Amino acid sequence: MDWRFRDVFENIRGPGGRGATGALLLAAWLLASSWAGAAYVSYLRSYGDWSVSCALDEPTRYRWCTLRAPPPELFDRRSEVAVGEPGDGAFMVTVRVGGVVREGAPLYLRIDANPPHRGEPNRFGEAGWRGAEAAALVGELEGGRHMVLRSYPGQGAPPRDENYSLAGFGEALADYRARLRDRGPFTGE
């Protein structure tokens, strides 16, 4: 039996040319997309450089909210800083660098003139703080005016500083916490 792709596609195409192949591919795409779920944004509000958003994954009924900077924008390459409360009442602060990160290089998050908080990004450019350090970081964010994220993009390249305003962070945090209370547990309905 000959399993060359040319022969297989000739048999699928048949005498009608490429139409049958296109129809087959369209049918496969429609079938696959009907199985895929969709997440719906149910709430989005911006507070300067910060935003609160809540969403629902319809197939699993999983609901979640996020507090992050900068607000979501299409094709935005800026790094993302997110604050969360994973359910145990303790804060978690995470950073996702929006570009290449030099392997083994740290990143720093500094609020105003406070000492910087050092993070060790993984291979995806993500770093985070939990527990007492995250609580201290959120306290600085609430009382601060300006935040700088410093990352190191590549060998021999100068450090990259990204600036974020903290104006509106207190309101965004209060809104985020209110959304968490209003929505209850986020493990499903």
Protein backbone atom coordinates (compact mmCIF):
# COMPACT_ATOMS: atom_id res chain seq x y z
CA MET A 1 0.00 0.00 0.00
CA ASP A 2 1.36 3.43 -0.93
CA TRP A 3 1.10 6.02 1.91
CA ARG A 4 2.59 8.99 0.13
CA PHE A 5 0.68 12.17 1.00
CA ARG A 6 0.26 13.09 -2.66
CA ASP A 7 -1.82 9.97 -3.28
CA VAL A 8 -3.88 10.42 -0.12
CA PHE A 9 -4.80 13.99 -1.03
CA GLU A 10 -5.58 13.01 -4.60
CA ASN A 11 -8.06 10.45 -3.28
CA ILE A 12 -9.67 13.01 -0.96
CA ARG A 13 -9.72 15.73 -3.60
CA GLY A 14 -11.39 13.54 -6.17
CA PRO A 15 -12.49 14.85 -9.53
CA GLY A 16 -13.71 18.16 -8.09
CA GLY A 17 -10.22 19.54 -7.46
CA ARG A 18 -9.36 21.29 -4.20
CA GLY A 19 -12.95 21.96 -3.12
CA ALA A 20 -13.33 18.69 -1.26
CA THR A 21 -10.06 19.24 0.63
CA GLY A 22 -11.12 22.74 1.67
CA ALA A 23 -14.54 21.50 2.76
CA LEU A 24 -12.95 18.69 4.75
CA LEU A 25 -10.57 21.09 6.51
CA LEU A 26 -13.40 23.55 7.26
CA ALA A 27 -15.54 20.76 8.71
CA ALA A 28 -12.65 19.57 10.89
CA TRP A 29 -12.02 23.12 12.14
CA LEU A 30 -15.70 23.69 12.96
CA LEU A 31 -15.93 20.39 14.79
CA ALA A 32 -12.78 21.09 16.83
CA SER A 33 -13.85 24.63 17.68
CA SER A 34 -17.22 23.43 18.97
CA TRP A 35 -15.44 21.30 21.58
CA ALA A 36 -13.23 24.16 22.76
CA GLY A 37 -14.62 26.22 25.62
CA ALA A 38 -14.70 29.96 25.91
CA ALA A 39 -13.98 32.29 28.79
CA TYR A 40 -16.22 35.30 29.07
CA VAL A 41 -15.10 38.53 30.71
CA SER A 42 -17.91 39.50 33.05
CA TYR A 43 -16.25 42.56 34.62
CA LEU A 44 -13.45 44.93 33.60
CA ARG A 45 -12.59 48.26 35.19
CA SER A 46 -9.41 50.34 34.96
CA TYR A 47 -7.84 52.51 37.63
CA GLY A 48 -5.00 54.28 35.86
CA ASP A 49 -2.27 51.70 35.23
CA TRP A 50 -4.23 49.06 37.18
CA SER A 51 -7.26 47.02 36.21
CA VAL A 52 -9.64 44.56 37.81
CA SER A 53 -11.18 41.90 35.60
CA CYS A 54 -13.37 38.89 36.30
CA ALA A 55 -14.16 36.06 33.93
CA LEU A 56 -16.04 32.79 33.65
CA ASP A 57 -14.86 29.64 31.89
CA GLU A 58 -18.23 28.41 30.68
CA PRO A 59 -17.56 24.66 30.25
CA THR A 60 -16.01 24.22 33.71
CA ARG A 61 -17.98 27.03 35.44
CA TYR A 62 -14.66 28.17 36.95
CA ARG A 63 -14.73 31.87 37.85
CA TRP A 64 -11.77 34.11 38.66
CA CYS A 65 -10.78 37.74 39.11
CA THR A 66 -7.43 39.45 38.58
CA LEU A 67 -5.84 42.72 39.70
CA ARG A 68 -2.99 43.67 37.42
CA ALA A 69 -0.98 46.36 35.72
CA PRO A 70 -1.05 47.39 32.97
CA PRO A 71 -4.66 47.05 31.83
CA PRO A 72 -5.08 44.52 29.02
CA GLU A 73 -4.34 45.93 25.57
CA LEU A 74 -3.92 44.17 22.26
CA PHE A 75 -0.25 43.78 21.25
CA ASP A 76 1.01 45.31 24.52
CA ARG A 77 4.56 44.08 25.20
CA ARG A 78 4.85 45.61 28.66
CA SER A 79 5.47 43.33 31.59
CA GLU A 80 2.54 42.36 33.79
CA VAL A 81 2.41 42.73 37.57
CA ALA A 82 -0.49 40.95 39.27
CA VAL A 83 -1.74 40.90 42.86
CA GLY A 84 -3.88 38.05 44.08
CA GLU A 85 -5.35 36.35 47.11
CA PRO A 86 -5.35 32.65 46.25
CA GLY A 87 -7.95 31.73 48.84
CA ASP A 88 -5.97 31.39 52.04
CA GLY A 89 -6.24 35.13 52.79
CA ALA A 90 -2.56 35.71 52.08
CA PHE A 91 -1.36 37.88 49.21
CA MET A 92 0.57 36.73 46.20
CA VAL A 93 2.39 39.12 43.83
CA THR A 94 3.55 37.83 40.45
CA VAL A 95 5.47 39.38 37.58
CA ARG A 96 5.54 38.19 33.98
CA VAL A 97 8.23 39.94 31.97
CA GLY A 98 6.97 41.00 28.55
CA GLY A 99 10.09 40.15 26.60
CA VAL A 100 13.27 38.13 26.62
CA VAL A 101 14.91 37.58 30.02
CA ARG A 102 18.57 36.70 30.37
CA GLU A 103 18.93 33.24 31.89
CA GLY A 104 19.96 33.39 35.56
CA ALA A 105 19.44 37.14 35.86
CA PRO A 106 17.17 38.41 38.67
CA LEU A 107 14.43 40.98 38.37
CA TYR A 108 13.62 43.74 40.83
CA LEU A 109 10.37 45.39 41.83
CA ARG A 110 10.82 48.73 43.60
CA ILE A 111 8.15 51.00 45.02
CA ASP A 112 9.18 54.65 45.50
CA ALA A 113 12.45 54.83 47.47
CA ASN A 114 11.91 51.52 49.29
CA PRO A 115 14.51 48.77 48.90
CA PRO A 116 13.82 46.64 45.81
CA HIS A 117 12.23 43.20 46.06
CA ARG A 118 14.32 40.63 44.21
CA GLY A 119 12.69 37.86 42.20
CA GLU A 120 14.16 34.91 40.34
CA PRO A 121 12.31 34.50 37.03
CA ASN A 122 11.73 31.05 35.63
CA ARG A 123 12.37 30.21 31.98
CA PHE A 124 9.08 31.90 31.04
CA GLY A 125 10.07 35.20 32.68
CA GLU A 126 7.73 34.75 35.65
CA ALA A 127 8.64 35.47 39.27
CA GLY A 128 6.56 35.84 42.40
CA TRP A 129 6.40 36.62 46.08
CA ARG A 130 4.18 35.02 48.74
CA GLY A 131 3.67 35.27 52.46
CA ALA A 132 5.20 38.08 54.48
CA GLU A 133 7.18 39.53 51.57
CA ALA A 134 4.05 39.70 49.39
CA ALA A 135 2.11 41.37 52.22
CA ALA A 136 4.90 43.93 52.64
CA LEU A 137 4.93 44.51 48.89
CA VAL A 138 1.16 45.09 48.79
CA GLY A 139 1.49 47.51 51.73
CA GLU A 140 4.11 49.46 49.78
CA LEU A 141 1.89 49.43 46.68
CA GLU A 142 -1.06 50.81 48.69
CA GLY A 143 0.99 53.66 50.15
CA GLY A 144 3.23 54.28 47.14
CA ARG A 145 3.15 56.60 44.17
CA HIS A 146 5.45 54.91 41.64
CA MET A 147 6.64 51.38 40.84
CA VAL A 148 9.64 50.32 38.73
CA LEU A 149 10.21 46.82 37.38
CA ARG A 150 13.82 46.15 36.36
CA SER A 151 14.65 43.12 34.22
CA TYR A 152 17.70 42.08 32.22
CA PRO A 153 16.81 41.29 28.61
CA GLY A 154 19.94 39.70 27.21
CA GLN A 155 23.66 39.14 27.40
CA GLY A 156 25.44 42.51 27.36
CA ALA A 157 22.19 44.49 27.06
CA PRO A 158 21.49 47.24 29.58
CA PRO A 159 18.78 46.61 32.19
CA ARG A 160 15.23 47.43 31.16
CA ASP A 161 13.17 49.59 33.53
CA GLU A 162 9.39 49.71 33.21
CA ASN A 163 7.47 52.38 35.12
CA TYR A 164 3.96 52.10 36.50
CA SER A 165 1.90 54.66 38.36
CA LEU A 166 0.33 53.57 41.63
CA ALA A 167 -2.41 56.19 41.42
CA GLY A 168 -5.64 54.26 41.76
CA PHE A 169 -4.04 51.09 43.16
CA GLY A 170 -5.88 51.42 46.51
CA GLU A 171 -9.24 51.73 44.73
CA ALA A 172 -8.39 48.83 42.43
CA LEU A 173 -7.43 46.62 45.41
CA ALA A 174 -10.69 47.49 47.22
CA ASP A 175 -12.69 46.71 44.07
CA TYR A 176 -10.81 43.43 43.56
CA ARG A 177 -11.53 42.33 47.14
CA ALA A 178 -15.20 43.31 46.79
CA ARG A 179 -15.45 41.24 43.61
CA LEU A 180 -13.94 38.25 45.41
CA ARG A 181 -16.49 38.59 48.24
CA ASP A 182 -19.40 39.02 45.79
CA ARG A 183 -18.47 36.01 43.70
CA GLY A 184 -17.77 33.59 46.53
CA PRO A 185 -15.47 30.62 46.01
CA PHE A 186 -13.91 30.38 42.59
CA THR A 187 -13.84 26.60 42.31
CA GLY A 188 -17.08 26.34 40.34
CA GLU A 189 -20.79 26.56 40.96
